[in-house]
């Protein structure tokens, strides 16, 4: 069923694709999409898809805004070079929108002095304002991404330092990227207020994560995922491996489900945060592993052959590297929980895993309302 979209720039902005569709229908569309993808990859025997969702608006804890001459904006739909100025984003956390208003006001007051980056000319200074917030803590970060090759970088830095004095943001950073790079995060940055870390509370645990690193964008639905996973681990294991484990979100939450927990990732920012999160939550049975999925044999140093094992796998959109998939077939853990933001890639890998595993439960989690994206969890048990 069609509806009138709340956002005045819907259809122009490339951020949302479904604001004009009733939300219950959006969920049904996503459910059928995942189901058809599984069937098309010859996965015929799987449980009925359960679906979990929360609020359809104001859920995102991160937004990457581009600088426009009129204020902060987002990319135009179908045209990356054009920008759509916005005053409010209906899928962004309300704390983000407060900071959008604040930055837009500052931009207006200093518009004659500020140097906005021109995508067509590939020159200028101010490129992005990346705003991140916590849902369950009073914590927010703004990272201003600047063109490090600009001749006007010092003047614009001075204006940003003045901006910080009255800003509601907990943390403010200035990051630097080359003129021919379109990155909105960087390891080359200065902290001008607060810290380069954010913190969040999920299911009773405290998590730190880096302002320039990865963290899930919808904490409400993430908690549903965490509880779903824990509920479906109905026995204790000797070893639990949290692959692509990031800051330890799943491994820490599931630390009571196995004697030994191994959190494996290849991002130094995430691994440092994971170490801190183990201390913060007093987790004594977990180990951090610097894990390259192209060369996953480092996992073999921690795996005991005869122990009862469970793998929690949350790879990027591209899925697991073939070497990691091979290692899983060599090890054959008793249970696998596969978390995916890409149903097509998930179905391709499930079509291989079902040679040795049965899919005992499937669920989808709408972490991205008003868009076509969906998060999926498949629970696999080793066939006897």
Protein backbone atom coordinates (compact mmCIF):
# COMPACT_ATOMS: atom_id res chain seq x y z
CA UNK A 1 0.00 0.00 0.00
CA UNK A 2 1.35 3.41 -0.97
CA UNK A 3 1.50 6.27 1.52
CA UNK A 4 2.64 9.88 1.58
CA UNK A 5 6.33 9.94 2.63
CA UNK A 6 7.20 12.06 5.64
CA UNK A 7 10.41 13.36 4.11
CA UNK A 8 10.12 16.36 1.73
CA UNK A 9 13.17 15.26 -0.29
CA UNK A 10 12.14 11.61 -0.69
CA UNK A 11 12.78 10.53 -4.28
CA UNK A 12 15.56 13.09 -4.65
CA UNK A 13 17.81 11.91 -1.82
CA UNK A 14 19.47 8.53 -2.27
CA UNK A 15 19.19 7.54 1.38
CA UNK A 16 15.73 5.91 1.45
CA UNK A 17 13.87 3.86 -1.13
CA UNK A 18 10.65 2.83 0.65
CA UNK A 19 9.28 5.77 2.62
CA UNK A 20 6.24 5.74 0.34
CA UNK A 21 5.38 2.11 1.17
CA UNK A 22 3.42 1.05 4.26
CA UNK A 23 5.87 -0.44 6.75
CA UNK A 24 4.08 -3.78 7.19
CA UNK A 25 4.23 -4.18 3.41
CA UNK A 26 7.94 -3.34 3.47
CA UNK A 27 8.47 -6.21 5.89
CA UNK A 28 6.51 -8.62 3.71
CA UNK A 29 8.50 -7.57 0.64
CA UNK A 30 11.77 -8.22 2.45
CA UNK A 31 10.59 -11.55 3.77
CA UNK A 32 9.59 -12.73 0.29
CA UNK A 33 12.85 -11.42 -1.14
CA UNK A 34 14.95 -13.52 1.24
CA UNK A 35 12.72 -16.55 0.73
CA UNK A 36 13.02 -16.33 -3.08
CA UNK A 37 16.79 -15.90 -2.93
CA UNK A 38 17.09 -19.06 -0.86
CA UNK A 39 14.83 -21.01 -3.21
CA UNK A 40 16.70 -19.75 -6.28
CA UNK A 41 19.92 -21.15 -4.82
CA UNK A 42 18.32 -24.58 -4.44
CA UNK A 43 17.90 -24.27 -0.68
CA UNK A 44 14.49 -25.87 -0.48
CA UNK A 45 14.38 -27.13 3.08
CA UNK A 46 14.48 -24.31 5.57
CA UNK A 47 12.19 -23.29 8.45
CA UNK A 48 9.62 -20.55 8.07
CA UNK A 49 11.30 -17.16 8.22
CA UNK A 50 10.69 -15.31 11.47
CA UNK A 51 10.84 -11.52 11.26
CA UNK A 52 11.92 -9.04 13.92
CA UNK A 53 11.59 -5.28 13.76
CA UNK A 54 11.39 -2.15 15.90
CA UNK A 55 10.67 1.52 15.10
CA UNK A 56 10.67 2.37 11.42
CA UNK A 57 11.89 5.95 11.91
CA UNK A 58 14.78 7.69 13.72
CA UNK A 59 16.82 4.52 14.23
CA UNK A 60 20.25 5.11 12.62
CA UNK A 61 23.12 5.90 14.97
CA UNK A 62 25.43 7.05 12.16
CA UNK A 63 24.95 9.42 9.24
CA UNK A 64 27.59 10.62 6.79
CA UNK A 65 26.51 14.08 5.62
CA UNK A 66 28.20 15.94 2.78
CA UNK A 67 28.81 19.67 3.00
CA UNK A 68 26.68 21.78 0.65
CA UNK A 69 26.70 25.55 0.21
CA UNK A 70 23.17 25.52 1.72
CA UNK A 71 24.07 23.29 4.69
CA UNK A 72 24.56 19.58 5.35
CA UNK A 73 23.15 17.21 2.76
CA UNK A 74 23.07 13.74 1.26
CA UNK A 75 23.84 12.48 -2.23
CA UNK A 76 21.20 12.82 -4.92
CA UNK A 77 19.58 9.57 -5.95
CA UNK A 78 21.31 8.26 -9.08
CA UNK A 79 23.79 11.14 -9.24
CA UNK A 80 26.68 10.94 -6.79
CA UNK A 81 28.04 14.36 -7.80
CA UNK A 82 24.89 16.24 -6.82
CA UNK A 83 23.92 16.99 -3.23
CA UNK A 84 20.51 17.40 -1.62
CA UNK A 85 20.51 19.80 1.38
CA UNK A 86 18.50 18.53 4.34
CA UNK A 87 17.20 19.95 7.59
CA UNK A 88 16.10 16.66 9.12
CA UNK A 89 16.56 12.98 8.31
CA UNK A 90 13.66 10.71 9.24
CA UNK A 91 15.76 7.57 9.61
CA UNK A 92 18.49 9.27 11.70
CA UNK A 93 18.49 9.25 15.49
CA UNK A 94 16.89 12.40 16.85
CA UNK A 95 20.17 13.32 18.57
CA UNK A 96 21.76 13.34 15.12
CA UNK A 97 19.08 15.73 13.86
CA UNK A 98 19.78 18.09 16.78
CA UNK A 99 23.42 18.21 15.70
CA UNK A 100 22.39 18.70 12.04
CA UNK A 101 20.43 21.79 13.09
CA UNK A 102 23.37 23.02 15.14
CA UNK A 103 25.90 22.56 12.30
CA UNK A 104 23.57 24.09 9.72
CA UNK A 105 23.17 27.16 11.92
CA UNK A 106 26.95 27.44 12.25
CA UNK A 107 27.35 27.02 8.49
CA UNK A 108 24.88 29.81 7.82
CA UNK A 109 26.59 32.15 10.25
CA UNK A 110 30.01 31.48 8.67
CA UNK A 111 29.05 30.83 5.05
CA UNK A 112 31.28 33.61 3.71
CA UNK A 113 34.34 32.20 5.48
CA UNK A 114 33.88 28.44 4.98
CA UNK A 115 35.30 26.61 1.98
CA UNK A 116 32.96 23.81 0.83
CA UNK A 117 34.44 20.96 -1.21
CA UNK A 118 33.31 20.93 -4.86
CA UNK A 119 32.98 17.36 -6.16
CA UNK A 120 33.10 18.42 -9.82
CA UNK A 121 36.23 20.55 -9.41
CA UNK A 122 37.72 18.13 -6.87
CA UNK A 123 38.79 21.05 -4.70
CA UNK A 124 37.74 22.82 -1.51
CA UNK A 125 38.10 22.02 2.17
CA UNK A 126 35.00 20.79 4.03
CA UNK A 127 33.87 17.38 2.75
CA UNK A 128 31.86 15.42 5.34
CA UNK A 129 30.31 15.79 8.75
CA UNK A 130 30.00 12.24 10.10
CA UNK A 131 27.65 12.20 13.09
CA UNK A 132 27.41 9.18 15.39
CA UNK A 133 25.32 8.80 18.54
CA UNK A 134 24.61 6.21 21.21
CA UNK A 135 21.03 5.15 21.88
CA UNK A 136 21.40 4.16 25.53
CA UNK A 137 24.12 6.60 26.64
CA UNK A 138 24.34 10.37 26.32
CA UNK A 139 27.21 10.20 23.87
CA UNK A 140 27.77 11.66 20.40
CA UNK A 141 30.63 12.33 18.01
CA UNK A 142 31.02 14.62 15.02
CA UNK A 143 33.97 13.99 12.72
CA UNK A 144 34.58 16.77 10.22
CA UNK A 145 36.36 15.32 7.20
CA UNK A 146 38.61 17.84 5.45
CA UNK A 147 40.57 17.80 2.20
CA UNK A 148 44.17 17.67 3.44
CA UNK A 149 45.40 19.13 0.12
CA UNK A 150 43.39 22.34 0.51
CA UNK A 151 45.21 25.66 0.77
CA UNK A 152 42.51 26.95 3.13
CA UNK A 153 42.70 24.16 5.67
CA UNK A 154 44.07 26.27 8.54
CA UNK A 155 41.34 28.92 8.30
CA UNK A 156 38.62 26.26 8.28
CA UNK A 157 40.22 24.41 11.20
CA UNK A 158 40.14 27.63 13.22
CA UNK A 159 36.42 28.00 12.53
CA UNK A 160 35.80 24.40 13.62
CA UNK A 161 37.67 24.98 16.85
CA UNK A 162 35.36 27.94 17.53
CA UNK A 163 32.32 25.76 16.66
CA UNK A 164 33.25 23.18 19.30
CA UNK A 165 32.94 25.73 22.11
CA UNK A 166 29.12 25.73 22.00
CA UNK A 167 28.43 22.34 20.45
CA UNK A 168 26.25 19.73 22.17
CA UNK A 169 28.43 16.93 20.75
CA UNK A 170 30.40 14.96 23.36
CA UNK A 171 33.31 14.44 20.97
CA UNK A 172 34.53 16.43 17.97
CA UNK A 173 37.28 15.30 15.61
CA UNK A 174 38.85 16.77 12.49
CA UNK A 175 39.87 14.11 9.98
CA UNK A 176 41.97 14.50 6.86
CA UNK A 177 41.74 12.73 3.48
CA UNK A 178 43.34 13.41 0.10
CA UNK A 179 41.46 15.50 -2.46
CA UNK A 180 40.94 12.48 -4.74
CA UNK A 181 39.63 10.23 -1.96
CA UNK A 182 35.96 10.06 -0.98
CA UNK A 183 36.48 8.36 2.37
CA UNK A 184 34.35 9.53 5.28
CA UNK A 185 36.53 7.91 7.95
CA UNK A 186 40.27 8.16 8.44
CA UNK A 187 43.06 7.28 10.84
CA UNK A 188 44.58 10.71 10.23
CA UNK A 189 42.64 12.90 12.65
CA UNK A 190 42.85 15.36 15.52
CA UNK A 191 40.64 15.32 18.62
CA UNK A 192 39.49 18.86 19.41
CA UNK A 193 36.91 17.88 22.02
CA UNK A 194 36.36 14.76 24.12
CA UNK A 195 37.52 11.38 22.85
CA UNK A 196 37.80 9.31 19.66
CA UNK A 197 35.68 6.59 21.29
CA UNK A 198 31.93 6.18 21.72
CA UNK A 199 30.19 3.82 24.10
CA UNK A 200 26.90 1.96 24.07
CA UNK A 201 24.97 -0.35 26.41
CA UNK A 202 23.50 -3.50 24.80
CA UNK A 203 21.64 -6.21 26.69
CA UNK A 204 23.25 -5.12 29.96
CA UNK A 205 26.84 -5.00 28.63
CA UNK A 206 28.93 -1.90 27.98
CA UNK A 207 30.67 -1.57 24.62
CA UNK A 208 33.28 0.94 23.49
CA UNK A 209 33.86 1.43 19.77
CA UNK A 210 36.02 3.76 17.72
CA UNK A 211 34.59 6.78 15.94
CA UNK A 212 36.45 5.72 12.78
CA UNK A 213 35.54 2.04 13.06
CA UNK A 214 32.55 -0.21 12.45
CA UNK A 215 29.56 -0.61 14.74
CA UNK A 216 26.04 -1.77 13.90
CA UNK A 217 23.74 1.13 12.97
CA UNK A 218 20.53 0.08 14.75
CA UNK A 219 21.07 -0.81 18.43
CA UNK A 220 17.38 -1.64 19.03
CA UNK A 221 17.33 -4.40 16.41
CA UNK A 222 20.87 -5.45 17.29
CA UNK A 223 19.64 -6.36 20.76
CA UNK A 224 16.91 -8.51 19.19
CA UNK A 225 19.61 -10.30 17.20
CA UNK A 226 21.74 -10.85 20.29
CA UNK A 227 18.83 -12.29 22.26
CA UNK A 228 17.71 -14.45 19.33
CA UNK A 229 21.18 -15.96 19.06
CA UNK A 230 21.52 -16.61 22.78
CA UNK A 231 18.05 -18.18 23.00
CA UNK A 232 18.98 -20.59 20.21
CA UNK A 233 22.18 -21.76 21.89
CA UNK A 234 20.45 -24.26 24.10
CA UNK A 235 23.50 -26.14 25.36
CA UNK A 236 26.99 -25.32 26.60
CA UNK A 237 30.08 -25.57 24.40
CA UNK A 238 33.76 -26.01 25.09
CA UNK A 239 34.72 -23.32 22.57
CA UNK A 240 32.86 -20.45 20.93
CA UNK A 241 34.47 -18.64 18.00
CA UNK A 242 33.13 -15.18 17.16
CA UNK A 243 34.47 -14.69 13.61
CA UNK A 244 34.55 -11.17 12.18
CA UNK A 245 33.75 -10.32 15.78
CA UNK A 246 34.46 -6.57 15.68
CA UNK A 247 34.44 -5.02 19.15
CA UNK A 248 33.25 -8.31 20.66
CA UNK A 249 29.52 -7.62 20.62
CA UNK A 250 28.38 -11.24 20.24
CA UNK A 251 31.35 -12.95 21.88
CA UNK A 252 31.05 -10.94 25.09
CA UNK A 253 27.26 -11.34 25.29
CA UNK A 254 27.62 -15.12 24.76
CA UNK A 255 30.53 -15.56 27.15
CA UNK A 256 28.40 -17.70 29.47
CA UNK A 257 27.66 -20.18 26.68
CA UNK A 258 31.16 -21.70 26.39
CA UNK A 259 34.22 -22.40 28.53
CA UNK A 260 36.45 -20.50 26.10
CA UNK A 261 35.51 -17.57 23.87
CA UNK A 262 37.63 -16.45 20.89
CA UNK A 263 36.89 -13.08 19.27
CA UNK A 264 38.54 -12.88 15.85
CA UNK A 265 38.78 -9.84 13.57
CA UNK A 266 41.32 -8.04 11.36
CA UNK A 267 40.56 -4.42 12.30
CA UNK A 268 43.05 -3.01 14.79
CA UNK A 269 40.53 -0.36 15.87
CA UNK A 270 37.95 -3.05 16.64
CA UNK A 271 40.43 -5.37 18.36
CA UNK A 272 41.66 -2.59 20.67
CA UNK A 273 38.04 -1.77 21.55
CA UNK A 274 37.33 -5.48 22.09
CA UNK A 275 40.22 -5.73 24.58
CA UNK A 276 38.81 -2.78 26.48
CA UNK A 277 35.30 -4.25 26.37
CA UNK A 278 36.54 -7.51 27.91
CA UNK A 279 37.95 -5.51 30.83
CA UNK A 280 34.90 -3.24 31.08
CA UNK A 281 32.56 -6.24 31.38
CA UNK A 282 34.93 -8.39 33.48
CA UNK A 283 35.04 -11.21 30.91
CA UNK A 284 37.73 -13.68 31.98
CA UNK A 285 37.27 -16.55 29.52
CA UNK A 286 37.78 -14.69 26.22
CA UNK A 287 40.79 -14.29 23.95
CA UNK A 288 41.30 -11.82 21.09
CA UNK A 289 42.69 -13.11 17.78
CA UNK A 290 44.01 -10.94 14.94
CA UNK A 291 42.34 -12.88 12.14
CA UNK A 292 42.86 -12.54 8.38
CA UNK A 293 40.13 -14.51 6.61
CA UNK A 294 42.42 -15.04 3.61
CA UNK A 295 44.87 -16.80 5.96
CA UNK A 296 42.63 -18.25 8.65
CA UNK A 297 44.97 -21.00 9.85
CA UNK A 298 45.80 -18.94 12.93
CA UNK A 299 42.49 -20.23 14.29
CA UNK A 300 43.91 -23.75 14.36
CA UNK A 301 46.24 -22.70 17.18
CA UNK A 302 43.20 -22.17 19.41
CA UNK A 303 40.96 -25.03 18.28
CA UNK A 304 40.98 -28.31 20.17
CA UNK A 305 40.08 -31.13 17.82
CA UNK A 306 37.71 -33.09 20.04
CA UNK A 307 36.06 -30.18 21.83
CA UNK A 308 32.45 -29.21 21.30
CA UNK A 309 32.54 -26.07 19.14
CA UNK A 310 30.17 -23.34 17.96
CA UNK A 311 31.01 -20.70 15.36
CA UNK A 312 29.25 -17.32 15.28
CA UNK A 313 30.05 -15.79 11.88
CA UNK A 314 29.24 -12.20 10.88
CA UNK A 315 31.22 -11.45 7.69
CA UNK A 316 31.07 -8.30 5.52
CA UNK A 317 28.75 -8.08 2.50
CA UNK A 318 31.20 -10.07 0.37
CA UNK A 319 30.81 -13.05 2.70
CA UNK A 320 33.52 -15.39 3.91
CA UNK A 321 36.74 -15.81 2.01
CA UNK A 322 36.99 -19.23 0.36
CA UNK A 323 39.90 -20.14 2.67
CA UNK A 324 37.79 -19.52 5.76
CA UNK A 325 34.93 -21.53 4.27
CA UNK A 326 37.38 -24.38 3.59
CA UNK A 327 38.64 -24.20 7.15
CA UNK A 328 35.08 -24.53 8.45
CA UNK A 329 34.63 -27.68 6.38
CA UNK A 330 37.90 -29.03 7.77
CA UNK A 331 36.89 -28.30 11.38
CA UNK A 332 33.13 -28.96 11.12
CA UNK A 333 31.98 -27.15 14.27
CA UNK A 334 28.91 -28.66 15.93
CA UNK A 335 26.84 -25.54 15.33
CA UNK A 336 27.12 -22.44 13.15
CA UNK A 337 25.24 -19.19 13.56
CA UNK A 338 25.62 -17.22 10.33
CA UNK A 339 24.72 -13.51 10.42
CA UNK A 340 24.54 -11.72 7.09
CA UNK A 341 23.60 -8.31 5.69
CA UNK A 342 23.63 -9.78 2.16
CA UNK A 343 21.00 -12.51 1.57
CA UNK A 344 22.43 -13.37 -1.86
CA UNK A 345 25.89 -14.10 -0.51
CA UNK A 346 24.42 -15.90 2.49
CA UNK A 347 22.38 -18.18 0.23
CA UNK A 348 25.45 -19.01 -1.89
CA UNK A 349 27.39 -20.09 1.17
CA UNK A 350 24.44 -21.90 2.69
CA UNK A 351 24.11 -23.91 -0.53
CA UNK A 352 27.60 -25.27 0.24
CA UNK A 353 27.22 -25.62 4.00
CA UNK A 354 24.05 -27.72 3.70
CA UNK A 355 26.25 -30.53 2.42
CA UNK A 356 27.24 -31.04 6.05
CA UNK A 357 24.64 -29.03 7.99
CA UNK A 358 20.91 -28.74 8.49
CA UNK A 359 19.30 -25.31 8.67
CA UNK A 360 17.32 -25.48 11.90
CA UNK A 361 16.17 -21.86 12.10
CA UNK A 362 16.04 -18.76 9.89
CA UNK A 363 15.14 -15.23 10.86
CA UNK A 364 15.31 -11.78 9.33
CA UNK A 365 15.87 -8.56 11.26
CA UNK A 366 14.90 -5.22 9.79
CA UNK A 367 17.91 -3.20 10.81
CA UNK A 368 17.37 -0.85 7.85
CA UNK A 369 13.72 0.31 7.61
CA UNK A 370 12.80 2.47 4.60
CA UNK A 371 15.55 0.80 2.55
CA UNK A 372 15.87 -2.45 0.61
CA UNK A 373 18.49 -3.85 3.00
CA UNK A 374 17.89 -6.60 5.56
CA UNK A 375 19.87 -8.59 8.12
CA UNK A 376 19.48 -12.37 8.18
CA UNK A 377 20.48 -15.05 10.67
CA UNK A 378 20.66 -18.76 9.81
CA UNK A 379 21.28 -21.36 12.49
CA UNK A 380 22.92 -24.55 11.27
CA UNK A 381 23.41 -27.84 13.10
CA UNK A 382 25.93 -30.42 11.96
CA UNK A 383 24.16 -33.34 10.31
CA UNK A 384 24.50 -36.69 12.04
